[in-house]
Amino acid sequence: MRWPSTEDENALLESLRAGSPLVAHDIITTYLPVLVDYLQQKNPRLDDHLLHTAAEDALLNFLCRPASFDPQRGCFRKFLCMAAQADLKNLLRKERRVRRAISLESVAEPSVARNDPPDRDVSWEHPRLKSEIDILNDEERTVLELMRDGVRSTSQCAEKLGLLHLDEQEQTMEVKRLKDRVKRRLSRAMVQCT
């Protein structure tokens, strides 16, 4: 996989500065594969899902705050690599904390549905967990309902979320991103419950 040329990179960044409505999609589709590839080469023993999440987080954080990239301090490629590696370290720290507190599997699917004992006795009615669920946006709430119902099919999730206009790869990325966000938020809430 190849990083975009300097000319392509400058064109994308200029489009972003100009406020082009499609440039965020272009930046993600251009940089996500090469950024994941970079993280895989740098961290060969880590789970691909975690590397993908770190790359997504780096890109989404940049798109939310484009001014965080200062071209005077280096090229965009190095900026993204440093940001993704930092996000990966943060994810690893969070994962260690969560693993000590509660398994993510019990968030993704109620233990009753799996017929195995729960890691912790935390009810969906716990005030801290309920307050986190109450502030979920509509998409996140839909994802949580699907996860609680045991729906794992990307196509079913994409249909329920109204993502069928996207191609299959984009549907997969968007569903994964939303599921990960919900899992992280509920995991943090559950850590505080215990």
N, C-alpha and C. Protein backbone atom coordinates (compact mmCIF):
# COMPACT_ATOMS: atom_id res chain seq x y z
N MET A 1 0.84 -1.18 0.00
CA MET A 1 0.00 0.00 0.00
C MET A 1 0.88 1.24 0.00
N ARG A 2 0.42 2.23 -0.72
CA ARG A 2 1.23 3.44 -0.87
C ARG A 2 0.53 4.65 -0.28
N TRP A 3 1.35 5.49 0.33
CA TRP A 3 0.85 6.77 0.80
C TRP A 3 0.59 7.67 -0.40
N PRO A 4 -0.38 8.57 -0.30
CA PRO A 4 -0.63 9.47 -1.43
C PRO A 4 0.57 10.35 -1.71
N SER A 5 0.67 10.81 -2.94
CA SER A 5 1.76 11.72 -3.31
C SER A 5 1.56 13.05 -2.60
N THR A 6 2.63 13.84 -2.54
CA THR A 6 2.55 15.16 -1.92
C THR A 6 1.49 16.02 -2.59
N GLU A 7 1.39 15.92 -3.91
CA GLU A 7 0.39 16.71 -4.64
C GLU A 7 -1.02 16.30 -4.24
N ASP A 8 -1.27 14.98 -4.18
CA ASP A 8 -2.59 14.49 -3.79
C ASP A 8 -2.91 14.89 -2.35
N GLU A 9 -1.91 14.76 -1.49
CA GLU A 9 -2.09 15.13 -0.08
C GLU A 9 -2.45 16.61 0.04
N ASN A 10 -1.70 17.46 -0.67
CA ASN A 10 -1.97 18.90 -0.62
C ASN A 10 -3.36 19.22 -1.16
N ALA A 11 -3.78 18.52 -2.21
CA ALA A 11 -5.10 18.75 -2.79
C ALA A 11 -6.20 18.38 -1.79
N LEU A 12 -6.02 17.26 -1.09
CA LEU A 12 -7.02 16.85 -0.09
C LEU A 12 -7.09 17.85 1.06
N LEU A 13 -5.93 18.26 1.55
CA LEU A 13 -5.91 19.21 2.66
C LEU A 13 -6.48 20.57 2.24
N GLU A 14 -6.22 20.97 1.01
CA GLU A 14 -6.77 22.23 0.51
C GLU A 14 -8.29 22.14 0.39
N SER A 15 -8.80 20.99 -0.07
CA SER A 15 -10.25 20.78 -0.15
C SER A 15 -10.88 20.82 1.23
N LEU A 16 -10.18 20.27 2.22
CA LEU A 16 -10.68 20.30 3.59
C LEU A 16 -10.76 21.73 4.10
N ARG A 17 -9.71 22.50 3.85
CA ARG A 17 -9.70 23.92 4.26
C ARG A 17 -10.81 24.70 3.56
N ALA A 18 -11.11 24.33 2.31
CA ALA A 18 -12.15 25.02 1.54
C ALA A 18 -13.56 24.59 1.95
N GLY A 19 -13.65 23.56 2.78
CA GLY A 19 -14.95 23.11 3.27
C GLY A 19 -15.70 22.18 2.35
N SER A 20 -15.00 21.47 1.49
CA SER A 20 -15.65 20.53 0.58
C SER A 20 -16.41 19.47 1.38
N PRO A 21 -17.68 19.21 1.04
CA PRO A 21 -18.48 18.26 1.82
C PRO A 21 -18.05 16.80 1.68
N LEU A 22 -17.34 16.46 0.61
CA LEU A 22 -16.96 15.07 0.38
C LEU A 22 -15.54 14.74 0.79
N VAL A 23 -14.80 15.75 1.19
CA VAL A 23 -13.37 15.52 1.44
C VAL A 23 -13.12 14.60 2.64
N ALA A 24 -13.98 14.63 3.65
CA ALA A 24 -13.78 13.74 4.81
C ALA A 24 -13.80 12.29 4.36
N HIS A 25 -14.75 11.94 3.51
CA HIS A 25 -14.81 10.58 2.97
C HIS A 25 -13.56 10.26 2.18
N ASP A 26 -13.11 11.21 1.35
CA ASP A 26 -11.91 10.99 0.54
C ASP A 26 -10.68 10.78 1.42
N ILE A 27 -10.57 11.56 2.47
CA ILE A 27 -9.41 11.44 3.37
C ILE A 27 -9.43 10.08 4.06
N ILE A 28 -10.59 9.66 4.54
CA ILE A 28 -10.68 8.37 5.22
C ILE A 28 -10.36 7.22 4.27
N THR A 29 -10.96 7.23 3.08
CA THR A 29 -10.71 6.12 2.15
C THR A 29 -9.28 6.12 1.63
N THR A 30 -8.66 7.30 1.56
CA THR A 30 -7.28 7.38 1.09
C THR A 30 -6.29 6.94 2.16
N TYR A 31 -6.49 7.41 3.38
CA TYR A 31 -5.48 7.21 4.42
C TYR A 31 -5.72 6.01 5.33
N LEU A 32 -6.97 5.57 5.49
CA LEU A 32 -7.22 4.48 6.44
C LEU A 32 -6.44 3.21 6.10
N PRO A 33 -6.47 2.72 4.86
CA PRO A 33 -5.73 1.47 4.58
C PRO A 33 -4.23 1.59 4.82
N VAL A 34 -3.62 2.72 4.42
CA VAL A 34 -2.17 2.85 4.59
C VAL A 34 -1.80 3.08 6.06
N LEU A 35 -2.69 3.74 6.80
CA LEU A 35 -2.43 3.97 8.21
C LEU A 35 -2.55 2.66 9.00
N VAL A 36 -3.53 1.84 8.66
CA VAL A 36 -3.66 0.51 9.30
C VAL A 36 -2.44 -0.33 8.96
N ASP A 37 -2.01 -0.28 7.70
CA ASP A 37 -0.83 -1.03 7.27
C ASP A 37 0.42 -0.58 8.06
N TYR A 38 0.57 0.73 8.24
CA TYR A 38 1.69 1.26 9.03
C TYR A 38 1.65 0.71 10.45
N LEU A 39 0.45 0.74 11.08
CA LEU A 39 0.33 0.25 12.45
C LEU A 39 0.60 -1.25 12.54
N GLN A 40 0.18 -2.00 11.53
CA GLN A 40 0.43 -3.44 11.52
C GLN A 40 1.93 -3.74 11.43
N GLN A 41 2.64 -2.96 10.63
CA GLN A 41 4.08 -3.17 10.52
C GLN A 41 4.80 -2.78 11.80
N LYS A 42 4.33 -1.72 12.43
CA LYS A 42 4.98 -1.22 13.65
C LYS A 42 4.59 -2.05 14.88
N ASN A 43 3.41 -2.66 14.85
CA ASN A 43 2.89 -3.41 16.01
C ASN A 43 2.37 -4.77 15.55
N PRO A 44 3.24 -5.64 15.05
CA PRO A 44 2.79 -6.89 14.41
C PRO A 44 2.07 -7.87 15.35
N ARG A 45 2.27 -7.74 16.64
CA ARG A 45 1.67 -8.70 17.57
C ARG A 45 0.29 -8.27 18.07
N LEU A 46 -0.12 -7.06 17.72
CA LEU A 46 -1.40 -6.57 18.22
C LEU A 46 -2.55 -6.96 17.31
N ASP A 47 -3.72 -7.02 17.90
CA ASP A 47 -4.94 -7.39 17.20
C ASP A 47 -5.28 -6.37 16.11
N ASP A 48 -5.64 -6.86 14.92
CA ASP A 48 -5.99 -5.99 13.80
C ASP A 48 -7.15 -5.05 14.12
N HIS A 49 -8.11 -5.56 14.87
CA HIS A 49 -9.27 -4.74 15.23
C HIS A 49 -8.83 -3.50 16.02
N LEU A 50 -7.92 -3.70 16.94
CA LEU A 50 -7.40 -2.60 17.75
C LEU A 50 -6.63 -1.61 16.88
N LEU A 51 -5.83 -2.12 15.95
CA LEU A 51 -5.06 -1.25 15.05
C LEU A 51 -5.99 -0.45 14.15
N HIS A 52 -7.04 -1.10 13.68
CA HIS A 52 -8.02 -0.43 12.81
C HIS A 52 -8.71 0.69 13.59
N THR A 53 -9.09 0.40 14.83
CA THR A 53 -9.75 1.40 15.67
C THR A 53 -8.84 2.60 15.92
N ALA A 54 -7.56 2.35 16.19
CA ALA A 54 -6.61 3.44 16.42
C ALA A 54 -6.45 4.30 15.17
N ALA A 55 -6.37 3.67 14.01
CA ALA A 55 -6.26 4.42 12.76
C ALA A 55 -7.51 5.25 12.51
N GLU A 56 -8.69 4.65 12.75
CA GLU A 56 -9.95 5.39 12.60
C GLU A 56 -10.00 6.58 13.55
N ASP A 57 -9.62 6.34 14.81
CA ASP A 57 -9.65 7.42 15.80
C ASP A 57 -8.74 8.57 15.39
N ALA A 58 -7.55 8.25 14.91
CA ALA A 58 -6.61 9.30 14.49
C ALA A 58 -7.21 10.14 13.36
N LEU A 59 -7.81 9.46 12.39
CA LEU A 59 -8.40 10.18 11.25
C LEU A 59 -9.62 11.00 11.68
N LEU A 60 -10.48 10.41 12.49
CA LEU A 60 -11.68 11.12 12.93
C LEU A 60 -11.32 12.31 13.82
N ASN A 61 -10.33 12.13 14.69
CA ASN A 61 -9.88 13.25 15.54
C ASN A 61 -9.33 14.38 14.69
N PHE A 62 -8.56 14.04 13.66
CA PHE A 62 -8.04 15.07 12.77
C PHE A 62 -9.18 15.79 12.05
N LEU A 63 -10.15 15.01 11.54
CA LEU A 63 -11.25 15.63 10.80
C LEU A 63 -12.12 16.52 11.70
N CYS A 64 -12.19 16.18 12.98
CA CYS A 64 -12.93 17.03 13.93
C CYS A 64 -12.15 18.30 14.26
N ARG A 65 -10.81 18.19 14.25
CA ARG A 65 -9.96 19.33 14.58
C ARG A 65 -8.81 19.44 13.58
N PRO A 66 -9.10 19.86 12.34
CA PRO A 66 -8.05 19.92 11.31
C PRO A 66 -6.89 20.84 11.69
N ALA A 67 -7.16 21.82 12.55
CA ALA A 67 -6.10 22.75 12.94
C ALA A 67 -5.03 22.07 13.80
N SER A 68 -5.30 20.84 14.25
CA SER A 68 -4.29 20.14 15.06
C SER A 68 -3.06 19.77 14.22
N PHE A 69 -3.22 19.73 12.89
CA PHE A 69 -2.08 19.48 12.02
C PHE A 69 -1.43 20.81 11.65
N ASP A 70 -0.16 20.93 11.99
CA ASP A 70 0.61 22.13 11.67
C ASP A 70 1.67 21.74 10.63
N PRO A 71 1.49 22.17 9.37
CA PRO A 71 2.44 21.79 8.32
C PRO A 71 3.86 22.29 8.57
N GLN A 72 4.00 23.29 9.44
CA GLN A 72 5.34 23.81 9.76
C GLN A 72 6.15 22.80 10.58
N ARG A 73 5.45 21.88 11.25
CA ARG A 73 6.13 20.92 12.14
C ARG A 73 6.42 19.59 11.46
N GLY A 74 5.98 19.40 10.23
CA GLY A 74 6.26 18.15 9.53
C GLY A 74 5.17 17.83 8.53
N CYS A 75 5.34 16.71 7.84
CA CYS A 75 4.38 16.34 6.80
C CYS A 75 3.16 15.65 7.43
N PHE A 76 2.09 15.62 6.67
CA PHE A 76 0.81 15.08 7.13
C PHE A 76 0.93 13.58 7.45
N ARG A 77 1.70 12.88 6.64
CA ARG A 77 1.88 11.44 6.86
C ARG A 77 2.47 11.17 8.25
N LYS A 78 3.53 11.89 8.61
CA LYS A 78 4.15 11.70 9.92
C LYS A 78 3.19 12.09 11.04
N PHE A 79 2.44 13.16 10.81
CA PHE A 79 1.45 13.60 11.79
C PHE A 79 0.44 12.48 12.06
N LEU A 80 -0.10 11.88 10.99
CA LEU A 80 -1.09 10.81 11.14
C LEU A 80 -0.49 9.58 11.83
N CYS A 81 0.74 9.23 11.46
CA CYS A 81 1.39 8.06 12.07
C CYS A 81 1.58 8.27 13.57
N MET A 82 2.03 9.46 13.95
CA MET A 82 2.23 9.76 15.38
C MET A 82 0.89 9.75 16.11
N ALA A 83 -0.13 10.35 15.49
CA ALA A 83 -1.45 10.41 16.12
C ALA A 83 -2.03 9.00 16.28
N ALA A 84 -1.91 8.16 15.25
CA ALA A 84 -2.45 6.80 15.31
C ALA A 84 -1.72 5.98 16.37
N GLN A 85 -0.40 6.13 16.45
CA GLN A 85 0.37 5.39 17.45
C GLN A 85 -0.02 5.85 18.86
N ALA A 86 -0.23 7.15 19.04
CA ALA A 86 -0.66 7.67 20.35
C ALA A 86 -2.06 7.15 20.69
N ASP A 87 -2.96 7.15 19.70
CA ASP A 87 -4.31 6.62 19.94
C ASP A 87 -4.25 5.14 20.28
N LEU A 88 -3.36 4.41 19.64
CA LEU A 88 -3.21 2.99 19.93
C LEU A 88 -2.76 2.79 21.38
N LYS A 89 -1.81 3.58 21.82
CA LYS A 89 -1.35 3.46 23.22
C LYS A 89 -2.49 3.76 24.18
N ASN A 90 -3.29 4.78 23.87
CA ASN A 90 -4.45 5.10 24.72
C ASN A 90 -5.45 3.95 24.74
N LEU A 91 -5.70 3.36 23.57
CA LEU A 91 -6.63 2.22 23.51
C LEU A 91 -6.12 1.04 24.33
N LEU A 92 -4.82 0.78 24.25
CA LEU A 92 -4.24 -0.32 25.02
C LEU A 92 -4.37 -0.07 26.52
N ARG A 93 -4.15 1.18 26.95
CA ARG A 93 -4.31 1.53 28.36
C ARG A 93 -5.76 1.32 28.80
N LYS A 94 -6.69 1.81 27.99
CA LYS A 94 -8.12 1.66 28.32
C LYS A 94 -8.50 0.19 28.35
N GLU A 95 -8.01 -0.57 27.39
CA GLU A 95 -8.35 -1.99 27.32
C GLU A 95 -7.85 -2.72 28.57
N ARG A 96 -6.66 -2.37 29.03
CA ARG A 96 -6.14 -3.01 30.25
C ARG A 96 -7.02 -2.68 31.46
N ARG A 97 -7.43 -1.41 31.56
CA ARG A 97 -8.30 -1.00 32.67
C ARG A 97 -9.63 -1.73 32.60
N VAL A 98 -10.21 -1.80 31.41
CA VAL A 98 -11.51 -2.45 31.24
C VAL A 98 -11.40 -3.94 31.50
N ARG A 99 -10.33 -4.55 31.01
CA ARG A 99 -10.15 -5.99 31.21
C ARG A 99 -10.08 -6.32 32.69
N ARG A 100 -9.46 -5.44 33.47
CA ARG A 100 -9.41 -5.67 34.91
C ARG A 100 -10.79 -5.54 35.53
N ALA A 101 -11.62 -4.67 34.96
CA ALA A 101 -12.92 -4.40 35.56
C ALA A 101 -14.01 -5.34 35.07
N ILE A 102 -14.13 -5.49 33.74
CA ILE A 102 -15.22 -6.31 33.19
C ILE A 102 -14.93 -6.67 31.75
N SER A 103 -15.41 -7.81 31.34
CA SER A 103 -15.21 -8.25 29.97
C SER A 103 -16.10 -7.48 29.02
N LEU A 104 -15.57 -7.09 27.85
CA LEU A 104 -16.38 -6.41 26.83
C LEU A 104 -17.48 -7.32 26.31
N GLU A 105 -17.30 -8.61 26.35
CA GLU A 105 -18.31 -9.53 25.84
C GLU A 105 -19.62 -9.37 26.58
N SER A 106 -19.57 -9.07 27.88
CA SER A 106 -20.82 -8.94 28.62
C SER A 106 -21.53 -7.65 28.27
N VAL A 107 -20.82 -6.69 27.67
CA VAL A 107 -21.48 -5.48 27.18
C VAL A 107 -22.08 -5.76 25.82
N ALA A 108 -21.36 -6.47 24.98
CA ALA A 108 -21.81 -6.70 23.61
C ALA A 108 -23.04 -7.59 23.57
N GLU A 109 -23.18 -8.46 24.54
CA GLU A 109 -24.28 -9.41 24.50
C GLU A 109 -24.60 -9.79 25.93
N PRO A 110 -25.85 -9.65 26.36
CA PRO A 110 -26.18 -10.00 27.75
C PRO A 110 -25.80 -11.44 28.06
N SER A 111 -25.33 -11.67 29.28
CA SER A 111 -24.87 -13.01 29.64
C SER A 111 -26.00 -14.03 29.56
N VAL A 112 -27.24 -13.61 29.75
CA VAL A 112 -28.38 -14.53 29.67
C VAL A 112 -28.45 -15.13 28.27
N ALA A 113 -28.17 -14.31 27.25
CA ALA A 113 -28.24 -14.79 25.87
C ALA A 113 -27.13 -15.78 25.56
N ARG A 114 -26.00 -15.68 26.29
CA ARG A 114 -24.87 -16.56 26.02
C ARG A 114 -24.89 -17.81 26.88
N ASN A 115 -25.79 -17.85 27.89
CA ASN A 115 -25.89 -18.98 28.81
C ASN A 115 -24.60 -19.25 29.56
N ASP A 116 -23.86 -18.19 29.85
CA ASP A 116 -22.71 -18.37 30.73
C ASP A 116 -22.75 -17.29 31.80
N PRO A 117 -22.08 -17.50 32.92
CA PRO A 117 -22.22 -16.57 34.03
C PRO A 117 -21.62 -15.20 33.72
N PRO A 118 -22.24 -14.14 34.21
CA PRO A 118 -21.68 -12.81 34.00
C PRO A 118 -20.41 -12.62 34.79
N ASP A 119 -19.53 -11.73 34.26
CA ASP A 119 -18.28 -11.42 34.96
C ASP A 119 -18.55 -10.62 36.23
N ARG A 120 -19.53 -9.74 36.16
CA ARG A 120 -19.87 -8.88 37.28
C ARG A 120 -21.39 -8.86 37.40
N ASP A 121 -21.88 -8.52 38.55
CA ASP A 121 -23.31 -8.42 38.76
C ASP A 121 -23.75 -6.99 38.52
N VAL A 122 -23.65 -6.52 37.28
CA VAL A 122 -24.06 -5.17 36.93
C VAL A 122 -25.32 -5.27 36.08
N SER A 123 -26.38 -4.64 36.55
CA SER A 123 -27.66 -4.69 35.86
C SER A 123 -27.72 -3.57 34.83
N TRP A 124 -28.52 -3.80 33.76
CA TRP A 124 -28.76 -2.75 32.78
C TRP A 124 -29.49 -1.59 33.45
N GLU A 125 -30.07 -1.84 34.62
CA GLU A 125 -30.81 -0.80 35.34
C GLU A 125 -29.93 -0.01 36.31
N HIS A 126 -28.65 -0.35 36.41
CA HIS A 126 -27.75 0.39 37.29
C HIS A 126 -27.79 1.87 36.90
N PRO A 127 -27.92 2.78 37.89
CA PRO A 127 -28.07 4.21 37.58
C PRO A 127 -26.97 4.77 36.68
N ARG A 128 -25.73 4.38 36.91
CA ARG A 128 -24.62 4.90 36.10
C ARG A 128 -24.73 4.43 34.65
N LEU A 129 -25.08 3.15 34.49
CA LEU A 129 -25.23 2.59 33.15
C LEU A 129 -26.44 3.19 32.46
N LYS A 130 -27.55 3.34 33.20
CA LYS A 130 -28.76 3.94 32.62
C LYS A 130 -28.50 5.37 32.18
N SER A 131 -27.75 6.13 32.98
CA SER A 131 -27.50 7.53 32.61
C SER A 131 -26.63 7.61 31.35
N GLU A 132 -25.72 6.66 31.19
CA GLU A 132 -24.90 6.63 29.96
C GLU A 132 -25.77 6.26 28.76
N ILE A 133 -26.67 5.31 28.94
CA ILE A 133 -27.57 4.90 27.85
C ILE A 133 -28.49 6.05 27.46
N ASP A 134 -28.94 6.82 28.46
CA ASP A 134 -29.85 7.94 28.20
C ASP A 134 -29.24 9.02 27.32
N ILE A 135 -27.92 9.16 27.36
CA ILE A 135 -27.29 10.22 26.56
C ILE A 135 -26.76 9.73 25.21
N LEU A 136 -27.03 8.46 24.89
CA LEU A 136 -26.66 7.95 23.57
C LEU A 136 -27.49 8.66 22.50
N ASN A 137 -26.90 8.93 21.36
CA ASN A 137 -27.69 9.50 20.26
C ASN A 137 -28.50 8.38 19.62
N ASP A 138 -29.35 8.74 18.65
CA ASP A 138 -30.26 7.76 18.04
C ASP A 138 -29.52 6.58 17.41
N GLU A 139 -28.43 6.89 16.68
CA GLU A 139 -27.65 5.81 16.05
C GLU A 139 -27.08 4.88 17.10
N GLU A 140 -26.48 5.45 18.14
CA GLU A 140 -25.86 4.64 19.20
C GLU A 140 -26.91 3.80 19.92
N ARG A 141 -28.09 4.38 20.15
CA ARG A 141 -29.16 3.64 20.82
C ARG A 141 -29.62 2.46 19.96
N THR A 142 -29.71 2.68 18.65
CA THR A 142 -30.09 1.61 17.73
C THR A 142 -29.05 0.49 17.77
N VAL A 143 -27.77 0.87 17.75
CA VAL A 143 -26.69 -0.12 17.82
C VAL A 143 -26.77 -0.92 19.12
N LEU A 144 -27.00 -0.24 20.23
CA LEU A 144 -27.11 -0.92 21.52
C LEU A 144 -28.27 -1.92 21.50
N GLU A 145 -29.42 -1.51 20.95
CA GLU A 145 -30.56 -2.42 20.87
C GLU A 145 -30.22 -3.65 20.04
N LEU A 146 -29.53 -3.44 18.92
CA LEU A 146 -29.14 -4.57 18.07
C LEU A 146 -28.17 -5.50 18.80
N MET A 147 -27.21 -4.91 19.51
CA MET A 147 -26.24 -5.72 20.26
C MET A 147 -26.94 -6.50 21.37
N ARG A 148 -27.87 -5.85 22.06
CA ARG A 148 -28.59 -6.52 23.15
C ARG A 148 -29.49 -7.63 22.62
N ASP A 149 -29.97 -7.47 21.38
CA ASP A 149 -30.80 -8.50 20.76
C ASP A 149 -29.95 -9.62 20.14
N GLY A 150 -28.63 -9.47 20.20
CA GLY A 150 -27.73 -10.49 19.67
C GLY A 150 -27.54 -10.44 18.15
N VAL A 151 -27.92 -9.32 17.53
CA VAL A 151 -27.76 -9.18 16.07
C VAL A 151 -26.29 -8.91 15.77
N ARG A 152 -25.68 -9.78 14.96
CA ARG A 152 -24.27 -9.63 14.62
C ARG A 152 -24.05 -9.33 13.14
N SER A 153 -25.06 -9.53 12.34
CA SER A 153 -24.94 -9.34 10.90
C SER A 153 -24.76 -7.87 10.54
N THR A 154 -23.68 -7.57 9.81
CA THR A 154 -23.43 -6.20 9.39
C THR A 154 -24.55 -5.69 8.51
N SER A 155 -25.07 -6.54 7.62
CA SER A 155 -26.13 -6.09 6.71
C SER A 155 -27.40 -5.74 7.46
N GLN A 156 -27.75 -6.53 8.50
CA GLN A 156 -28.92 -6.20 9.30
C GLN A 156 -28.73 -4.89 10.05
N CYS A 157 -27.54 -4.70 10.60
CA CYS A 157 -27.24 -3.46 11.32
C CYS A 157 -27.28 -2.27 10.36
N ALA A 158 -26.67 -2.44 9.18
CA ALA A 158 -26.64 -1.36 8.20
C ALA A 158 -28.05 -0.99 7.76
N GLU A 159 -28.90 -1.99 7.60
CA GLU A 159 -30.29 -1.72 7.20
C GLU A 159 -31.01 -0.92 8.28
N LYS A 160 -30.88 -1.35 9.52
CA LYS A 160 -31.55 -0.68 10.65
C LYS A 160 -31.02 0.74 10.84
N LEU A 161 -29.74 0.96 10.53
CA LEU A 161 -29.12 2.29 10.70
C LEU A 161 -29.29 3.17 9.46
N GLY A 162 -29.90 2.64 8.41
CA GLY A 162 -30.10 3.43 7.20
C GLY A 162 -28.83 3.67 6.41
N LEU A 163 -27.96 2.65 6.37
CA LEU A 163 -26.66 2.79 5.70
C LEU A 163 -26.60 2.02 4.38
N LEU A 164 -27.75 1.57 3.88
CA LEU A 164 -27.73 0.73 2.68
C LEU A 164 -27.29 1.50 1.43
N HIS A 165 -27.28 2.83 1.49
CA HIS A 165 -26.81 3.62 0.35
C HIS A 165 -25.29 3.56 0.20
N LEU A 166 -24.60 3.12 1.26
CA LEU A 166 -23.13 3.00 1.22
C LEU A 166 -22.75 1.65 0.62
N ASP A 167 -21.52 1.58 0.07
CA ASP A 167 -21.08 0.28 -0.43
C ASP A 167 -20.76 -0.64 0.76
N GLU A 168 -20.56 -1.92 0.47
CA GLU A 168 -20.43 -2.93 1.52
C GLU A 168 -19.28 -2.62 2.49
N GLN A 169 -18.14 -2.18 1.94
CA GLN A 169 -16.98 -1.88 2.79
C GLN A 169 -17.27 -0.69 3.71
N GLU A 170 -17.91 0.34 3.16
CA GLU A 170 -18.24 1.51 3.97
C GLU A 170 -19.27 1.16 5.05
N GLN A 171 -20.23 0.28 4.70
CA GLN A 171 -21.21 -0.17 5.70
C GLN A 171 -20.49 -0.87 6.85
N THR A 172 -19.57 -1.76 6.50
CA THR A 172 -18.83 -2.51 7.52
C THR A 172 -18.05 -1.56 8.42
N MET A 173 -17.37 -0.58 7.81
CA MET A 173 -16.57 0.38 8.60
C MET A 173 -17.46 1.20 9.52
N GLU A 174 -18.60 1.68 9.00
CA GLU A 174 -19.46 2.53 9.80
C GLU A 174 -20.13 1.76 10.93
N VAL A 175 -20.60 0.53 10.65
CA VAL A 175 -21.21 -0.29 11.70
C VAL A 175 -20.18 -0.61 12.78
N LYS A 176 -18.97 -0.97 12.37
CA LYS A 176 -17.90 -1.29 13.32
C LYS A 176 -17.57 -0.07 14.18
N ARG A 177 -17.47 1.09 13.54
CA ARG A 177 -17.15 2.32 14.27
C ARG A 177 -18.21 2.61 15.33
N LEU A 178 -19.48 2.48 14.96
CA LEU A 178 -20.57 2.74 15.90
C LEU A 178 -20.59 1.72 17.04
N LYS A 179 -20.39 0.43 16.70
CA LYS A 179 -20.37 -0.60 17.75
C LYS A 179 -19.23 -0.35 18.73
N ASP A 180 -18.05 -0.02 18.18
CA ASP A 180 -16.90 0.23 19.05
C ASP A 180 -17.15 1.41 19.97
N ARG A 181 -17.76 2.46 19.42
CA ARG A 181 -18.04 3.66 20.23
C ARG A 181 -18.99 3.31 21.38
N VAL A 182 -20.05 2.56 21.08
CA VAL A 182 -21.01 2.18 22.11
C VAL A 182 -20.34 1.29 23.16
N LYS A 183 -19.55 0.32 22.71
CA LYS A 183 -18.86 -0.58 23.65
C LYS A 183 -17.93 0.21 24.57
N ARG A 184 -17.18 1.16 23.99
CA ARG A 184 -16.26 1.96 24.82
C ARG A 184 -17.02 2.77 25.86
N ARG A 185 -18.11 3.41 25.44
CA ARG A 185 -18.87 4.24 26.37
C ARG A 185 -19.47 3.41 27.48
N LEU A 186 -20.07 2.27 27.14
CA LEU A 186 -20.69 1.42 28.16
C LEU A 186 -19.63 0.78 29.06
N SER A 187 -18.50 0.43 28.48
CA SER A 187 -17.42 -0.15 29.29
C SER A 187 -16.94 0.84 30.33
N ARG A 188 -16.76 2.10 29.91
CA ARG A 188 -16.35 3.12 30.89
C ARG A 188 -17.39 3.27 31.98
N ALA A 189 -18.67 3.27 31.61
CA ALA A 189 -19.73 3.39 32.60
C ALA A 189 -19.74 2.21 33.54
N MET A 190 -19.51 1.01 33.00
CA MET A 190 -19.53 -0.20 33.83
C MET A 190 -18.34 -0.25 34.78
N VAL A 191 -17.22 0.30 34.35
CA VAL A 191 -16.06 0.38 35.24
C VAL A 191 -16.43 1.23 36.45
N GLN A 192 -17.16 2.29 36.21
CA GLN A 192 -17.56 3.18 37.30
C GLN A 192 -18.66 2.56 38.17
N CYS A 193 -19.36 1.54 37.64
CA CYS A 193 -20.41 0.86 38.41
C CYS A 193 -19.82 -0.07 39.47
N THR A 194 -18.60 -0.54 39.20
CA THR A 194 -18.04 -1.58 40.08
C THR A 194 -17.21 -0.98 41.19
